[in-house]
């Protein structure tokens, strides 16, 4: 939920409600988890890491990086 000032209160500055519905943009649409230290959203199905820039998740496959195992 956001505060009265409109700022998000969840990890990486994202609204927790938004985090609960975000999914990988690849065809499997798996849920994403947060890596606060790296500032990324992670997909455990395809091992992609999506950046969060200025509190905005960048869910473009071309912008994602493959995590090393």
N, C-alpha and C. Protein backbone atom coordinates (compact mmCIF):
# COMPACT_ATOMS: atom_id res chain seq x y z
N UNK A 1 0.84 -1.18 0.00
CA UNK A 1 0.00 0.00 0.00
C UNK A 1 0.88 1.25 0.00
N UNK A 2 0.40 2.34 -0.52
CA UNK A 2 1.17 3.58 -0.53
C UNK A 2 0.74 4.46 0.62
N UNK A 3 1.66 5.32 1.03
CA UNK A 3 1.36 6.23 2.13
C UNK A 3 0.57 7.41 1.59
N UNK A 4 0.15 8.30 2.49
CA UNK A 4 -0.63 9.47 2.11
C UNK A 4 0.16 10.37 1.15
N UNK A 5 1.49 10.35 1.23
CA UNK A 5 2.31 11.18 0.35
C UNK A 5 2.48 10.54 -1.03
N UNK A 6 1.97 9.29 -1.22
CA UNK A 6 2.05 8.64 -2.51
C UNK A 6 3.31 7.83 -2.73
N UNK A 7 4.13 7.66 -1.70
CA UNK A 7 5.36 6.89 -1.86
C UNK A 7 5.09 5.43 -1.51
N UNK A 8 5.74 4.54 -2.23
CA UNK A 8 5.57 3.11 -1.99
C UNK A 8 6.35 2.71 -0.75
N UNK A 9 5.85 1.68 -0.07
CA UNK A 9 6.50 1.28 1.17
C UNK A 9 7.12 -0.11 1.10
N UNK A 10 7.12 -0.74 -0.06
CA UNK A 10 7.65 -2.09 -0.17
C UNK A 10 9.12 -2.10 -0.58
N UNK A 11 9.67 -3.30 -0.79
CA UNK A 11 11.06 -3.42 -1.21
C UNK A 11 11.31 -2.75 -2.56
N UNK A 12 12.46 -2.16 -2.70
CA UNK A 12 12.88 -1.46 -3.92
C UNK A 12 11.96 -0.30 -4.26
N UNK A 13 11.20 0.19 -3.28
CA UNK A 13 10.30 1.31 -3.52
C UNK A 13 9.04 0.93 -4.28
N UNK A 14 8.76 -0.36 -4.38
CA UNK A 14 7.59 -0.84 -5.11
C UNK A 14 6.44 -1.13 -4.16
N UNK A 15 5.26 -0.88 -4.61
CA UNK A 15 4.05 -1.17 -3.84
C UNK A 15 3.94 -2.69 -3.66
N UNK A 16 3.74 -3.16 -2.44
CA UNK A 16 3.62 -4.61 -2.20
C UNK A 16 2.50 -5.27 -3.01
N UNK A 17 1.42 -4.55 -3.26
CA UNK A 17 0.33 -5.10 -4.07
C UNK A 17 0.80 -5.33 -5.51
N UNK A 18 1.58 -4.39 -6.03
CA UNK A 18 2.13 -4.55 -7.38
C UNK A 18 3.07 -5.75 -7.43
N UNK A 19 3.93 -5.88 -6.42
CA UNK A 19 4.85 -7.02 -6.38
C UNK A 19 4.12 -8.36 -6.40
N UNK A 20 2.95 -8.40 -5.77
CA UNK A 20 2.21 -9.66 -5.69
C UNK A 20 1.64 -10.09 -7.04
N UNK A 21 1.51 -9.17 -8.01
CA UNK A 21 0.94 -9.54 -9.30
C UNK A 21 1.95 -9.54 -10.45
N UNK A 22 3.16 -9.04 -10.20
CA UNK A 22 4.17 -9.01 -11.27
C UNK A 22 4.58 -10.43 -11.65
N UNK A 23 4.77 -10.64 -12.95
CA UNK A 23 5.19 -11.95 -13.45
C UNK A 23 6.22 -11.75 -14.55
N UNK A 24 6.99 -12.77 -14.79
CA UNK A 24 7.99 -12.74 -15.86
C UNK A 24 7.27 -12.53 -17.20
N UNK A 25 7.82 -11.68 -18.06
CA UNK A 25 7.17 -11.45 -19.35
C UNK A 25 7.38 -12.57 -20.37
N UNK A 26 8.21 -13.55 -20.05
CA UNK A 26 8.40 -14.68 -20.96
C UNK A 26 7.11 -15.52 -20.97
N UNK A 27 7.02 -16.50 -21.83
CA UNK A 27 5.78 -17.25 -22.04
C UNK A 27 5.29 -18.03 -20.82
N UNK A 28 6.15 -18.32 -19.86
CA UNK A 28 5.75 -19.09 -18.68
C UNK A 28 5.09 -18.23 -17.61
N UNK A 29 5.32 -16.92 -17.61
CA UNK A 29 4.70 -15.95 -16.70
C UNK A 29 4.83 -16.34 -15.22
N UNK A 30 6.00 -16.80 -14.83
CA UNK A 30 6.25 -17.18 -13.44
C UNK A 30 6.31 -15.95 -12.54
N UNK A 31 5.93 -16.11 -11.28
CA UNK A 31 6.04 -14.98 -10.33
C UNK A 31 7.50 -14.56 -10.16
N UNK A 32 7.69 -13.30 -9.82
CA UNK A 32 9.03 -12.76 -9.62
C UNK A 32 9.30 -12.57 -8.14
N UNK A 33 10.55 -12.75 -7.75
CA UNK A 33 10.97 -12.50 -6.37
C UNK A 33 11.91 -11.29 -6.37
N UNK A 34 12.08 -10.71 -5.20
CA UNK A 34 12.88 -9.48 -5.07
C UNK A 34 14.28 -9.80 -4.58
N UNK A 35 15.27 -9.22 -5.23
CA UNK A 35 16.65 -9.22 -4.74
C UNK A 35 16.98 -7.76 -4.44
N UNK A 36 16.75 -7.37 -3.18
CA UNK A 36 16.95 -5.97 -2.80
C UNK A 36 18.39 -5.52 -2.94
N UNK A 37 19.33 -6.39 -2.62
CA UNK A 37 20.75 -6.02 -2.68
C UNK A 37 21.17 -5.67 -4.11
N UNK A 38 20.66 -6.42 -5.08
CA UNK A 38 21.01 -6.18 -6.48
C UNK A 38 20.07 -5.18 -7.15
N UNK A 39 18.92 -4.87 -6.50
CA UNK A 39 17.95 -3.97 -7.10
C UNK A 39 17.26 -4.58 -8.31
N UNK A 40 16.92 -5.88 -8.20
CA UNK A 40 16.35 -6.61 -9.33
C UNK A 40 15.17 -7.47 -8.90
N UNK A 41 14.38 -7.83 -9.89
CA UNK A 41 13.33 -8.82 -9.72
C UNK A 41 13.80 -10.08 -10.44
N UNK A 42 13.66 -11.23 -9.78
CA UNK A 42 14.23 -12.47 -10.29
C UNK A 42 13.15 -13.47 -10.68
N UNK A 43 13.40 -14.16 -11.78
CA UNK A 43 12.55 -15.27 -12.21
C UNK A 43 13.31 -16.56 -11.99
N UNK A 44 12.74 -17.45 -11.20
CA UNK A 44 13.42 -18.72 -10.93
C UNK A 44 13.22 -19.73 -12.06
N UNK A 45 12.27 -19.50 -12.94
CA UNK A 45 12.02 -20.43 -14.04
C UNK A 45 13.05 -20.26 -15.15
N UNK A 46 13.28 -19.02 -15.58
CA UNK A 46 14.20 -18.80 -16.71
C UNK A 46 15.52 -18.18 -16.29
N UNK A 47 15.70 -17.95 -14.99
CA UNK A 47 16.95 -17.39 -14.45
C UNK A 47 17.29 -16.01 -14.98
N UNK A 48 16.26 -15.21 -15.25
CA UNK A 48 16.50 -13.83 -15.66
C UNK A 48 16.37 -12.90 -14.46
N UNK A 49 17.11 -11.81 -14.52
CA UNK A 49 17.04 -10.77 -13.49
C UNK A 49 16.64 -9.47 -14.19
N UNK A 50 15.52 -8.90 -13.74
CA UNK A 50 14.98 -7.68 -14.33
C UNK A 50 15.32 -6.49 -13.43
N UNK A 51 15.88 -5.42 -13.99
CA UNK A 51 16.26 -4.28 -13.16
C UNK A 51 15.05 -3.47 -12.70
N UNK A 52 15.23 -2.80 -11.57
CA UNK A 52 14.24 -1.83 -11.09
C UNK A 52 14.96 -0.50 -11.09
N UNK A 53 14.49 0.43 -11.89
CA UNK A 53 15.13 1.74 -12.03
C UNK A 53 14.19 2.82 -11.52
N UNK A 54 14.66 3.57 -10.54
CA UNK A 54 13.86 4.65 -9.94
C UNK A 54 12.49 4.17 -9.51
N UNK A 55 12.44 2.96 -8.94
CA UNK A 55 11.18 2.41 -8.44
C UNK A 55 10.27 1.84 -9.51
N UNK A 56 10.79 1.71 -10.74
CA UNK A 56 9.98 1.20 -11.85
C UNK A 56 10.60 -0.11 -12.35
N UNK A 57 9.85 -1.22 -12.29
CA UNK A 57 10.37 -2.48 -12.80
C UNK A 57 10.45 -2.45 -14.32
N UNK A 58 11.60 -2.83 -14.86
CA UNK A 58 11.80 -2.86 -16.31
C UNK A 58 11.64 -4.31 -16.75
N UNK A 59 10.44 -4.67 -17.16
CA UNK A 59 10.13 -6.06 -17.49
C UNK A 59 10.20 -6.30 -19.00
N UNK A 60 11.33 -5.95 -19.56
CA UNK A 60 11.60 -6.18 -20.98
C UNK A 60 12.64 -7.28 -21.08
N UNK A 61 12.37 -8.29 -21.89
CA UNK A 61 13.31 -9.40 -22.03
C UNK A 61 14.68 -8.92 -22.51
N UNK A 62 14.70 -7.90 -23.36
CA UNK A 62 15.98 -7.37 -23.87
C UNK A 62 16.78 -6.66 -22.78
N UNK A 63 16.13 -6.19 -21.73
CA UNK A 63 16.81 -5.48 -20.64
C UNK A 63 17.25 -6.43 -19.52
N UNK A 64 16.71 -7.65 -19.51
CA UNK A 64 17.03 -8.60 -18.45
C UNK A 64 18.41 -9.21 -18.69
N UNK A 65 19.01 -9.64 -17.59
CA UNK A 65 20.27 -10.36 -17.70
C UNK A 65 20.04 -11.77 -17.18
N UNK A 66 20.80 -12.71 -17.71
CA UNK A 66 20.72 -14.09 -17.22
C UNK A 66 21.65 -14.20 -16.02
N UNK A 67 21.09 -14.72 -14.93
CA UNK A 67 21.89 -14.91 -13.72
C UNK A 67 22.77 -16.14 -13.90
N UNK A 68 23.97 -16.06 -13.36
CA UNK A 68 24.85 -17.23 -13.40
C UNK A 68 24.47 -18.17 -12.28
N UNK A 69 24.57 -19.44 -12.52
CA UNK A 69 24.15 -20.44 -11.53
C UNK A 69 25.21 -20.67 -10.50
